Amino acid sequence: MSTLTIKATNSWLILNALTLLSLAATELVGNLSVLILFVVLTVIVKGQTIVDVFMGLKTAPVTWRRLLLAYVVVVPGIIGAIMVLL
C-alpha cells in the first residue's frame, strides 16, 4: 500500500473512533456543559483531519488552509457557546 493510502486509512479510523467516543459520551457524561465541550472539541479535531488529509490542504496555499481551519474552529465554537447559554 502507498503512504497516502495508509494515511487516509489511519485518518478514517481516527474519525470513526472519535465518532464512537462522542456516542459513548452521550450515555456516560451527566453534565451537559462537559458533553457539549467534548463534542465541540471532537468536531474540531475531526474537521482538521478532514481539511488536512481528505481535502489535501496540508500542502495548499497557507491562506486557504487557514481559512478552512478557522471555519472548523469558529463554527463549532459558536454552536457550542449557544448550546451552553441556552
C-alpha atoms as a PDB file:
ATOM      1  CA  MET A   1       0.000   0.000   0.000  1.00  0.00           C
ATOM      2  CA  SER A   2       1.105   3.521  -0.651  1.00  0.00           C
ATOM      3  CA  THR A   3       1.846   6.018   2.093  1.00  0.00           C
ATOM      4  CA  LEU A   4      -1.175   8.102   1.052  1.00  0.00           C
ATOM      5  CA  THR A   5      -3.489   5.098   1.351  1.00  0.00           C
ATOM      6  CA  ILE A   6      -2.138   4.229   4.795  1.00  0.00           C
ATOM      7  CA  LYS A   7      -2.502   7.837   5.968  1.00  0.00           C
ATOM      8  CA  ALA A   8      -6.075   8.041   4.660  1.00  0.00           C
ATOM      9  CA  THR A   9      -6.967   4.723   6.278  1.00  0.00           C
ATOM     10  CA  ASN A  10      -5.478   5.758   9.632  1.00  0.00           C
ATOM     11  CA  SER A  11      -7.313   9.083   9.467  1.00  0.00           C
ATOM     12  CA  TRP A  12     -10.554   7.284   8.661  1.00  0.00           C
ATOM     13  CA  LEU A  13     -10.049   5.016  11.682  1.00  0.00           C
ATOM     14  CA  ILE A  14      -9.415   8.048  13.902  1.00  0.00           C
ATOM     15  CA  LEU A  15     -12.572   9.742  12.606  1.00  0.00           C
ATOM     16  CA  ASN A  16     -14.622   6.644  13.341  1.00  0.00           C
ATOM     17  CA  ALA A  17     -13.090   6.274  16.811  1.00  0.00           C
ATOM     18  CA  LEU A  18     -13.906   9.901  17.632  1.00  0.00           C
ATOM     19  CA  THR A  19     -17.466   9.367  16.417  1.00  0.00           C
ATOM     20  CA  LEU A  20     -17.854   6.329  18.657  1.00  0.00           C
ATOM     21  CA  LEU A  21     -16.346   8.225  21.604  1.00  0.00           C
ATOM     22  CA  SER A  22     -18.876  11.011  21.081  1.00  0.00           C
ATOM     23  CA  LEU A  23     -21.665   8.472  21.001  1.00  0.00           C
ATOM     24  CA  ALA A  24     -20.438   6.824  24.204  1.00  0.00           C
ATOM     25  CA  ALA A  25     -20.024  10.222  25.874  1.00  0.00           C
ATOM     26  CA  THR A  26     -23.718  10.972  25.382  1.00  0.00           C
ATOM     27  CA  GLU A  27     -24.511   7.987  27.595  1.00  0.00           C
ATOM     28  CA  LEU A  28     -21.711   8.355  30.143  1.00  0.00           C
ATOM     29  CA  VAL A  29     -21.388  12.097  30.791  1.00  0.00           C
ATOM     30  CA  GLY A  30     -24.007  13.527  33.095  1.00  0.00           C
ATOM     31  CA  ASN A  31     -23.071  17.201  32.851  1.00  0.00           C
ATOM     32  CA  LEU A  32     -24.436  18.760  29.649  1.00  0.00           C
ATOM     33  CA  SER A  33     -21.797  21.506  29.519  1.00  0.00           C
ATOM     34  CA  VAL A  34     -18.978  18.948  29.683  1.00  0.00           C
ATOM     35  CA  LEU A  35     -20.644  16.881  26.980  1.00  0.00           C
ATOM     36  CA  ILE A  36     -21.018  19.911  24.703  1.00  0.00           C
ATOM     37  CA  LEU A  37     -17.372  20.862  25.242  1.00  0.00           C
ATOM     38  CA  PHE A  38     -16.255  17.305  24.451  1.00  0.00           C
ATOM     39  CA  VAL A  39     -18.357  17.128  21.291  1.00  0.00           C
ATOM     40  CA  VAL A  40     -17.188  20.555  20.097  1.00  0.00           C
ATOM     41  CA  LEU A  41     -13.542  19.588  20.609  1.00  0.00           C
ATOM     42  CA  THR A  42     -14.163  16.309  18.796  1.00  0.00           C
ATOM     43  CA  VAL A  43     -15.738  18.144  15.862  1.00  0.00           C
ATOM     44  CA  ILE A  44     -12.739  20.489  15.685  1.00  0.00           C
ATOM     45  CA  VAL A  45     -10.267  17.586  15.606  1.00  0.00           C
ATOM     46  CA  LYS A  46     -12.346  15.753  13.012  1.00  0.00           C
ATOM     47  CA  GLY A  47     -12.653  18.873  10.868  1.00  0.00           C
ATOM     48  CA  GLN A  48      -8.916  19.499  10.993  1.00  0.00           C
ATOM     49  CA  THR A  49      -8.287  15.902   9.944  1.00  0.00           C
ATOM     50  CA  ILE A  50     -10.684  16.211   7.026  1.00  0.00           C
ATOM     51  CA  VAL A  51      -9.164  19.509   5.891  1.00  0.00           C
ATOM     52  CA  ASP A  52      -5.584  18.232   6.077  1.00  0.00           C
ATOM     53  CA  VAL A  53      -5.908  14.650   4.883  1.00  0.00           C
ATOM     54  CA  PHE A  54      -9.022  14.205   2.781  1.00  0.00           C
ATOM     55  CA  MET A  55      -9.168  17.670   1.228  1.00  0.00           C
ATOM     56  CA  GLY A  56      -5.398  17.707   0.807  1.00  0.00           C
ATOM     57  CA  LEU A  57      -4.960  21.240   2.114  1.00  0.00           C
ATOM     58  CA  LYS A  58      -1.921  20.445   4.233  1.00  0.00           C
ATOM     59  CA  THR A  59       0.235  21.390   1.248  1.00  0.00           C
ATOM     60  CA  ALA A  60      -2.138  24.026  -0.159  1.00  0.00           C
ATOM     61  CA  PRO A  61      -1.505  27.765  -0.019  1.00  0.00           C
ATOM     62  CA  VAL A  62      -1.436  28.927   3.602  1.00  0.00           C
ATOM     63  CA  THR A  63      -4.388  31.307   3.149  1.00  0.00           C
ATOM     64  CA  TRP A  64      -6.774  28.551   2.026  1.00  0.00           C
ATOM     65  CA  ARG A  65      -5.695  26.172   4.762  1.00  0.00           C
ATOM     66  CA  ARG A  66      -6.008  28.819   7.498  1.00  0.00           C
ATOM     67  CA  LEU A  67      -9.410  29.909   6.178  1.00  0.00           C
ATOM     68  CA  LEU A  68     -10.850  26.407   6.321  1.00  0.00           C
ATOM     69  CA  LEU A  69      -9.210  25.603   9.650  1.00  0.00           C
ATOM     70  CA  ALA A  70     -10.644  28.823  11.086  1.00  0.00           C
ATOM     71  CA  TYR A  71     -14.078  27.762   9.845  1.00  0.00           C
ATOM     72  CA  VAL A  72     -13.624  24.378  11.534  1.00  0.00           C
ATOM     73  CA  VAL A  73     -12.856  26.094  14.856  1.00  0.00           C
ATOM     74  CA  VAL A  74     -15.216  29.096  14.734  1.00  0.00           C
ATOM     75  CA  VAL A  75     -18.465  27.407  13.675  1.00  0.00           C
ATOM     76  CA  PRO A  76     -18.417  24.592  16.281  1.00  0.00           C
ATOM     77  CA  GLY A  77     -17.277  27.131  18.879  1.00  0.00           C
ATOM     78  CA  ILE A  78     -20.244  29.388  18.182  1.00  0.00           C
ATOM     79  CA  ILE A  79     -22.684  26.473  18.181  1.00  0.00           C
ATOM     80  CA  GLY A  80     -21.191  25.144  21.437  1.00  0.00           C
ATOM     81  CA  ALA A  81     -21.417  28.572  23.077  1.00  0.00           C
ATOM     82  CA  ILE A  82     -25.049  28.913  22.048  1.00  0.00           C
ATOM     83  CA  MET A  83     -25.860  25.447  23.398  1.00  0.00           C
ATOM     84  CA  VAL A  84     -24.202  26.183  26.743  1.00  0.00           C
ATOM     85  CA  LEU A  85     -26.005  29.513  27.088  1.00  0.00           C
ATOM     86  CA  LEU A  86     -29.415  28.030  26.364  1.00  0.00           C
END
